Amino acid sequence: MRYLALIIDEAMAQEGALKATSKGNLPAKLVKQTSELLPEFSVAQFERDISISEFAGSNEDKFNALHYTRVPAEISGIIYRRSGRYHVKRAAQKQYQALGIQAFFKPMLEAAISKYNWGYLDGFPRFAIGIPYGRLLFTGKKLMHAHRITVY
């Protein structure tokens, strides 16, 4: 949530919008600012090589935690991209000013749990693992029940 607060603060300082990179990521200046937050987190003691890191990086592609903040923020409707800029919705700006960052905890959590596609992290096609695994859970439960009846 600290990264989201920084994104919103930076956008509001620039009239509610941030210029996106040509690839569609957050600007390098913002990435640098968020990388400087690393000492605030308890994971800082474990970070050795910050060229590829979960919590620091030179651009959004090398900074997983920032990327996983921006995407759910877009999914939940806090920010949106239009004409090469990331905008903070007016309603979100008002909520942020009135309630602070905690106003976005529930929508971000809901987006991360129910709408975010975590499957792309494994590098497999969309349903390569999901369908067989789901089938295994479904049939495995039946087989386990049948096995219990015959054994006991």
Protein backbone atom coordinates (compact mmCIF):
# COMPACT_ATOMS: atom_id res chain seq x y z
CA MET A 1 0.00 0.00 0.00
CA ARG A 2 3.01 2.25 0.48
CA TYR A 3 3.73 2.03 -3.24
CA LEU A 4 0.13 2.89 -4.10
CA ALA A 5 0.28 5.94 -1.83
CA LEU A 6 3.41 7.10 -3.63
CA ILE A 7 1.79 6.58 -7.05
CA ILE A 8 -1.28 8.58 -6.01
CA ASP A 9 0.76 11.34 -4.34
CA GLU A 10 2.98 11.74 -7.39
CA ALA A 11 0.00 11.79 -9.76
CA MET A 12 -1.90 14.31 -7.65
CA ALA A 13 1.17 16.54 -7.57
CA GLN A 14 1.02 16.52 -11.38
CA GLU A 15 -2.69 17.37 -11.68
CA GLY A 16 -3.86 13.77 -11.29
CA ALA A 17 -1.77 12.11 -14.02
CA LEU A 18 1.64 10.49 -14.58
CA LYS A 19 3.27 10.06 -17.95
CA ALA A 20 3.64 6.36 -18.79
CA THR A 21 6.67 4.94 -20.56
CA SER A 22 6.37 3.88 -24.21
CA LYS A 23 5.90 0.30 -22.97
CA GLY A 24 3.05 1.41 -20.69
CA ASN A 25 4.88 1.17 -17.38
CA LEU A 26 5.18 3.73 -14.61
CA PRO A 27 7.83 6.44 -15.18
CA ALA A 28 11.45 5.77 -14.20
CA LYS A 29 11.44 8.72 -11.77
CA LEU A 30 8.62 7.13 -9.79
CA VAL A 31 10.34 3.73 -9.88
CA LYS A 32 13.46 5.33 -8.43
CA GLN A 33 11.43 6.97 -5.65
CA THR A 34 9.77 3.67 -4.77
CA SER A 35 13.12 1.86 -4.84
CA GLU A 36 14.37 4.31 -2.24
CA LEU A 37 11.63 3.07 0.11
CA LEU A 38 13.33 -0.33 0.44
CA PRO A 39 15.04 0.45 3.79
CA GLU A 40 11.56 1.03 5.31
CA PHE A 41 10.65 -2.62 4.79
CA SER A 42 11.84 -5.56 6.84
CA VAL A 43 12.90 -7.41 3.67
CA ALA A 44 15.67 -4.86 3.13
CA GLN A 45 18.09 -6.95 5.17
CA PHE A 46 17.77 -9.80 2.63
CA GLU A 47 18.25 -7.75 -0.55
CA ARG A 48 21.72 -8.21 -1.99
CA ASP A 49 21.56 -7.67 -5.75
CA ILE A 50 19.02 -4.99 -6.63
CA SER A 51 19.37 -5.41 -10.41
CA ILE A 52 16.67 -8.10 -10.23
CA SER A 53 14.54 -7.67 -7.15
CA GLU A 54 11.06 -7.95 -5.76
CA PHE A 55 11.32 -4.62 -3.91
CA ALA A 56 13.66 -2.37 -5.94
CA GLY A 57 14.67 -1.83 -9.55
CA SER A 58 15.55 0.58 -12.32
CA ASN A 59 12.25 0.12 -14.15
CA GLU A 60 8.88 -1.47 -13.49
CA ASP A 61 9.80 -4.68 -15.35
CA LYS A 62 12.60 -5.31 -12.84
CA PHE A 63 10.53 -4.27 -9.82
CA ASN A 64 7.88 -6.91 -9.17
CA ALA A 65 6.26 -5.39 -6.08
CA LEU A 66 5.61 -2.11 -7.88
CA HIS A 67 4.19 -3.92 -10.90
CA TYR A 68 1.93 -5.99 -8.63
CA THR A 69 0.71 -2.75 -7.09
CA ARG A 70 -0.03 -0.96 -10.36
CA VAL A 71 -1.97 -3.80 -12.00
CA PRO A 72 -4.48 -4.37 -9.16
CA ALA A 73 -4.84 -0.58 -8.84
CA GLU A 74 -5.87 -0.51 -12.49
CA ILE A 75 -8.16 -3.53 -12.11
CA SER A 76 -9.88 -2.02 -9.06
CA GLY A 77 -10.42 1.29 -10.86
CA ILE A 78 -8.20 3.51 -8.74
CA ILE A 79 -5.98 4.44 -11.67
CA TYR A 80 -6.44 4.11 -15.42
CA ARG A 81 -4.26 4.64 -18.48
CA ARG A 82 -5.37 6.93 -21.29
CA SER A 83 -3.32 8.71 -23.97
CA GLY A 84 -0.01 7.53 -22.57
CA ARG A 85 -0.69 8.75 -19.04
CA TYR A 86 -1.82 7.13 -15.81
CA HIS A 87 -4.68 9.05 -14.26
CA VAL A 88 -6.08 8.76 -10.74
CA LYS A 89 -9.87 8.79 -10.86
CA ARG A 90 -11.46 11.87 -9.32
CA ALA A 91 -13.50 9.73 -6.92
CA ALA A 92 -10.30 7.97 -5.82
CA GLN A 93 -8.59 11.33 -5.27
CA LYS A 94 -11.47 12.44 -3.04
CA GLN A 95 -11.40 9.16 -1.11
CA TYR A 96 -7.64 9.46 -0.66
CA GLN A 97 -7.91 13.01 0.63
CA ALA A 98 -10.75 12.12 3.02
CA LEU A 99 -9.74 8.68 4.28
CA GLY A 100 -6.12 8.19 3.29
CA ILE A 101 -4.60 5.06 1.77
CA GLN A 102 -6.75 2.71 3.89
CA ALA A 103 -9.70 3.58 1.65
CA PHE A 104 -8.14 1.41 -1.06
CA PHE A 105 -7.25 -1.67 0.98
CA LYS A 106 -10.50 -3.55 0.34
CA PRO A 107 -10.72 -2.81 -3.42
CA MET A 108 -7.04 -3.69 -3.88
CA LEU A 109 -7.44 -6.92 -1.92
CA GLU A 110 -10.56 -7.87 -3.90
CA ALA A 111 -8.78 -7.16 -7.19
CA ALA A 112 -5.71 -9.16 -6.15
CA ILE A 113 -7.75 -12.15 -4.99
CA SER A 114 -10.60 -12.40 -7.47
CA LYS A 115 -9.62 -10.49 -10.62
CA TYR A 116 -5.83 -10.57 -10.93
CA ASN A 117 -4.41 -13.36 -13.11
CA TRP A 118 -1.68 -14.81 -10.88
CA GLY A 119 -1.24 -17.70 -13.32
CA TYR A 120 0.97 -15.78 -15.71
CA LEU A 121 3.74 -15.78 -13.10
CA ASP A 122 4.46 -19.46 -13.71
CA GLY A 123 5.18 -18.89 -17.42
CA PHE A 124 2.78 -21.58 -18.64
CA PRO A 125 -0.11 -20.97 -21.07
CA ARG A 126 -3.33 -19.88 -19.43
CA PHE A 127 -4.95 -23.29 -18.85
CA ALA A 128 -1.97 -25.60 -19.22
CA ILE A 129 -1.94 -26.47 -15.53
CA GLY A 130 -5.28 -25.18 -14.29
CA ILE A 131 -7.65 -27.64 -15.97
CA PRO A 132 -5.71 -30.85 -15.24
CA TYR A 133 -5.09 -29.75 -11.66
CA GLY A 134 -8.77 -28.92 -11.17
CA ARG A 135 -9.72 -32.29 -12.67
CA LEU A 136 -7.26 -34.00 -10.31
CA LEU A 137 -8.83 -32.30 -7.29
CA PHE A 138 -12.32 -33.28 -8.42
CA THR A 139 -11.55 -36.90 -9.33
CA GLY A 140 -8.99 -37.30 -6.57
CA LYS A 141 -11.62 -36.60 -3.97
CA LYS A 142 -13.90 -39.26 -5.47
CA LEU A 143 -11.06 -41.78 -5.68
CA MET A 144 -9.96 -41.07 -2.13
CA HIS A 145 -13.52 -41.62 -0.89
CA ALA A 146 -13.78 -44.91 -2.83
CA HIS A 147 -10.41 -46.04 -1.44
CA ARG A 148 -11.51 -45.34 2.14
CA ILE A 149 -14.66 -47.45 1.68
CA THR A 150 -12.71 -50.45 0.37
CA VAL A 151 -9.87 -50.20 2.91
CA TYR A 152 -11.80 -49.52 6.10
